[in-house]
N, C-alpha and C. Protein backbone atom coordinates (compact mmCIF):
# COMPACT_ATOMS: atom_id res chain seq x y z
N MET A 1 0.84 -1.17 0.00
CA MET A 1 0.00 0.00 0.00
C MET A 1 0.88 1.23 0.00
N SER A 2 0.61 2.10 -0.88
CA SER A 2 1.52 3.19 -1.11
C SER A 2 1.07 4.53 -0.55
N GLY A 3 -0.22 4.74 -0.47
CA GLY A 3 -0.71 6.06 -0.11
C GLY A 3 -0.56 6.38 1.35
N GLU A 4 -0.64 7.67 1.64
CA GLU A 4 -0.61 8.13 3.02
C GLU A 4 -1.70 9.16 3.19
N PHE A 5 -2.54 8.97 4.19
CA PHE A 5 -3.61 9.90 4.48
C PHE A 5 -3.06 11.05 5.31
N ALA A 6 -3.46 12.24 4.99
CA ALA A 6 -3.06 13.41 5.77
C ALA A 6 -3.93 13.52 7.00
N ALA A 7 -3.38 14.10 8.03
CA ALA A 7 -4.17 14.36 9.24
C ALA A 7 -5.19 15.43 8.95
N ASP A 8 -6.32 15.35 9.61
CA ASP A 8 -7.34 16.39 9.46
C ASP A 8 -6.79 17.70 10.01
N ALA A 9 -7.33 18.80 9.53
CA ALA A 9 -6.86 20.12 9.95
C ALA A 9 -6.98 20.31 11.46
N ALA A 10 -8.00 19.73 12.06
CA ALA A 10 -8.21 19.89 13.51
C ALA A 10 -7.32 18.95 14.32
N ASP A 11 -6.68 18.01 13.67
CA ASP A 11 -5.85 17.04 14.36
C ASP A 11 -4.48 17.64 14.62
N THR A 12 -4.11 17.76 15.90
CA THR A 12 -2.83 18.35 16.24
C THR A 12 -1.87 17.32 16.80
N THR A 13 -2.17 16.02 16.66
CA THR A 13 -1.29 14.99 17.19
C THR A 13 -0.06 14.86 16.33
N ASP A 14 0.99 14.34 16.89
CA ASP A 14 2.23 14.11 16.16
C ASP A 14 2.04 12.97 15.18
N THR A 15 2.36 13.19 13.92
CA THR A 15 2.14 12.17 12.89
C THR A 15 3.38 11.33 12.63
N ALA A 16 4.45 11.54 13.37
CA ALA A 16 5.69 10.81 13.11
C ALA A 16 5.54 9.33 13.41
N ASP A 17 4.82 8.96 14.44
CA ASP A 17 4.68 7.56 14.82
C ASP A 17 3.22 7.15 14.67
N THR A 18 2.84 6.68 13.50
CA THR A 18 1.45 6.33 13.26
C THR A 18 1.06 5.02 13.94
N THR A 19 2.01 4.17 14.27
CA THR A 19 1.66 2.89 14.89
C THR A 19 1.27 3.06 16.35
N ALA A 20 1.73 4.12 17.00
CA ALA A 20 1.42 4.31 18.41
C ALA A 20 0.09 5.00 18.63
N ASN A 21 -0.42 5.67 17.62
CA ASN A 21 -1.62 6.47 17.79
C ASN A 21 -2.78 5.84 17.03
N THR A 22 -3.63 5.11 17.74
CA THR A 22 -4.77 4.48 17.08
C THR A 22 -6.07 5.24 17.33
N SER A 23 -6.03 6.29 18.14
CA SER A 23 -7.24 7.05 18.40
C SER A 23 -7.55 8.03 17.26
N THR A 24 -6.55 8.42 16.51
CA THR A 24 -6.72 9.28 15.36
C THR A 24 -6.11 8.59 14.16
N LEU A 25 -6.91 8.40 13.13
CA LEU A 25 -6.39 7.71 11.95
C LEU A 25 -5.79 8.70 10.98
N HIS A 26 -4.54 8.53 10.71
CA HIS A 26 -3.81 9.27 9.70
C HIS A 26 -2.59 8.44 9.38
N GLY A 27 -1.89 8.79 8.34
CA GLY A 27 -0.69 8.04 7.99
C GLY A 27 -0.93 7.08 6.85
N PRO A 28 -0.06 6.09 6.72
CA PRO A 28 -0.13 5.16 5.59
C PRO A 28 -1.41 4.32 5.57
N SER A 29 -1.81 3.91 4.40
CA SER A 29 -2.99 3.05 4.26
C SER A 29 -2.84 1.79 5.10
N ALA A 30 -1.64 1.24 5.16
CA ALA A 30 -1.41 0.02 5.94
C ALA A 30 -1.77 0.22 7.41
N HIS A 31 -1.53 1.40 7.94
CA HIS A 31 -1.89 1.68 9.33
C HIS A 31 -3.41 1.68 9.49
N TRP A 32 -4.10 2.29 8.52
CA TRP A 32 -5.57 2.29 8.55
C TRP A 32 -6.09 0.86 8.52
N VAL A 33 -5.52 0.04 7.67
CA VAL A 33 -5.96 -1.35 7.55
C VAL A 33 -5.72 -2.09 8.86
N GLU A 34 -4.57 -1.85 9.47
CA GLU A 34 -4.25 -2.51 10.74
C GLU A 34 -5.26 -2.13 11.83
N VAL A 35 -5.50 -0.84 11.99
CA VAL A 35 -6.39 -0.36 13.05
C VAL A 35 -7.84 -0.76 12.78
N LEU A 36 -8.31 -0.48 11.56
CA LEU A 36 -9.70 -0.81 11.24
C LEU A 36 -9.92 -2.31 11.16
N GLY A 37 -8.90 -3.05 10.73
CA GLY A 37 -8.99 -4.50 10.68
C GLY A 37 -9.18 -5.10 12.07
N GLN A 38 -8.49 -4.53 13.04
CA GLN A 38 -8.67 -5.00 14.42
C GLN A 38 -10.09 -4.75 14.89
N LEU A 39 -10.64 -3.59 14.55
CA LEU A 39 -12.02 -3.30 14.94
C LEU A 39 -13.00 -4.25 14.26
N ALA A 40 -12.71 -4.59 13.01
CA ALA A 40 -13.59 -5.50 12.27
C ALA A 40 -13.56 -6.90 12.88
N VAL A 41 -12.38 -7.39 13.14
CA VAL A 41 -12.23 -8.77 13.62
C VAL A 41 -12.59 -8.89 15.10
N GLN A 42 -12.05 -8.02 15.92
CA GLN A 42 -12.23 -8.14 17.37
C GLN A 42 -13.60 -7.64 17.84
N ASP A 43 -14.10 -6.58 17.22
CA ASP A 43 -15.33 -5.96 17.70
C ASP A 43 -16.52 -6.17 16.77
N GLY A 44 -16.30 -6.81 15.64
CA GLY A 44 -17.39 -7.11 14.73
C GLY A 44 -17.94 -5.93 13.95
N ILE A 45 -17.17 -4.85 13.90
CA ILE A 45 -17.63 -3.69 13.13
C ILE A 45 -17.51 -4.03 11.66
N ASP A 46 -18.60 -3.79 10.92
CA ASP A 46 -18.58 -4.17 9.50
C ASP A 46 -18.84 -3.01 8.55
N THR A 47 -18.91 -1.80 9.08
CA THR A 47 -19.10 -0.63 8.22
C THR A 47 -18.17 0.49 8.67
N PHE A 48 -17.41 1.01 7.72
CA PHE A 48 -16.53 2.14 7.98
C PHE A 48 -16.84 3.21 6.94
N VAL A 49 -16.95 4.44 7.39
CA VAL A 49 -17.25 5.55 6.49
C VAL A 49 -16.11 6.55 6.58
N ARG A 50 -15.61 6.95 5.43
CA ARG A 50 -14.53 7.94 5.37
C ARG A 50 -15.07 9.19 4.71
N PHE A 51 -15.12 10.28 5.46
CA PHE A 51 -15.57 11.56 4.93
C PHE A 51 -14.36 12.38 4.52
N SER A 52 -14.44 13.00 3.36
CA SER A 52 -13.36 13.86 2.90
C SER A 52 -13.85 14.68 1.71
N ASP A 53 -13.30 15.86 1.57
CA ASP A 53 -13.55 16.69 0.39
C ASP A 53 -12.51 16.42 -0.68
N ASP A 54 -11.50 15.66 -0.34
CA ASP A 54 -10.39 15.40 -1.26
C ASP A 54 -10.66 14.11 -2.04
N PRO A 55 -10.87 14.21 -3.35
CA PRO A 55 -11.15 13.01 -4.16
C PRO A 55 -10.02 11.97 -4.09
N ARG A 56 -8.78 12.42 -3.95
CA ARG A 56 -7.67 11.46 -3.86
C ARG A 56 -7.74 10.64 -2.59
N THR A 57 -8.16 11.26 -1.50
CA THR A 57 -8.30 10.55 -0.24
C THR A 57 -9.39 9.48 -0.33
N LEU A 58 -10.52 9.85 -0.92
CA LEU A 58 -11.61 8.89 -1.08
C LEU A 58 -11.22 7.75 -2.01
N GLU A 59 -10.51 8.07 -3.08
CA GLU A 59 -10.04 7.05 -4.01
C GLU A 59 -9.07 6.09 -3.33
N GLN A 60 -8.16 6.64 -2.55
CA GLN A 60 -7.19 5.82 -1.83
C GLN A 60 -7.90 4.89 -0.84
N PHE A 61 -8.87 5.43 -0.12
CA PHE A 61 -9.62 4.62 0.84
C PHE A 61 -10.35 3.49 0.12
N ALA A 62 -10.97 3.82 -1.01
CA ALA A 62 -11.73 2.83 -1.78
C ALA A 62 -10.83 1.79 -2.44
N GLU A 63 -9.67 2.19 -2.92
CA GLU A 63 -8.82 1.28 -3.67
C GLU A 63 -7.83 0.50 -2.82
N GLU A 64 -7.42 1.05 -1.68
CA GLU A 64 -6.40 0.40 -0.88
C GLU A 64 -6.92 -0.15 0.45
N VAL A 65 -7.70 0.63 1.15
CA VAL A 65 -8.11 0.25 2.50
C VAL A 65 -9.28 -0.74 2.47
N ILE A 66 -10.34 -0.42 1.76
CA ILE A 66 -11.54 -1.26 1.75
C ILE A 66 -11.24 -2.68 1.25
N PRO A 67 -10.54 -2.87 0.12
CA PRO A 67 -10.26 -4.25 -0.31
C PRO A 67 -9.44 -5.04 0.73
N ALA A 68 -8.49 -4.38 1.37
CA ALA A 68 -7.69 -5.06 2.38
C ALA A 68 -8.53 -5.44 3.59
N LEU A 69 -9.46 -4.56 3.98
CA LEU A 69 -10.35 -4.88 5.11
C LEU A 69 -11.28 -6.03 4.76
N ARG A 70 -11.77 -6.05 3.54
CA ARG A 70 -12.64 -7.16 3.12
C ARG A 70 -11.88 -8.48 3.17
N GLU A 71 -10.64 -8.44 2.76
CA GLU A 71 -9.83 -9.67 2.80
C GLU A 71 -9.61 -10.12 4.24
N ILE A 72 -9.30 -9.18 5.12
CA ILE A 72 -9.10 -9.52 6.53
C ILE A 72 -10.37 -10.12 7.13
N ALA A 73 -11.49 -9.53 6.82
CA ALA A 73 -12.76 -9.96 7.39
C ALA A 73 -13.35 -11.17 6.67
N GLY A 74 -12.75 -11.56 5.55
CA GLY A 74 -13.25 -12.70 4.81
C GLY A 74 -14.57 -12.42 4.11
N GLN A 75 -14.78 -11.17 3.70
CA GLN A 75 -16.04 -10.77 3.10
C GLN A 75 -15.92 -10.58 1.59
N ARG A 76 -15.17 -11.36 0.93
CA ARG A 76 -15.00 -11.18 -0.51
C ARG A 76 -16.22 -11.52 -1.27
């Protein structure tokens, strides 16, 4: 996964270590997949919504994150 999501404008957390911060999602697509995948598997969450005005962000979420989450959850 190649893309990296930018932090929201209101997010003032340090983005250097994306693996340590799971309360705010930003950083590489792989980090999103890791965090959201845990929620899907451990907590049974089956719907994730990504709001953004940036078409590239939505495309990245649709092309990189969602397929990986479906694979993790076995929902192909």
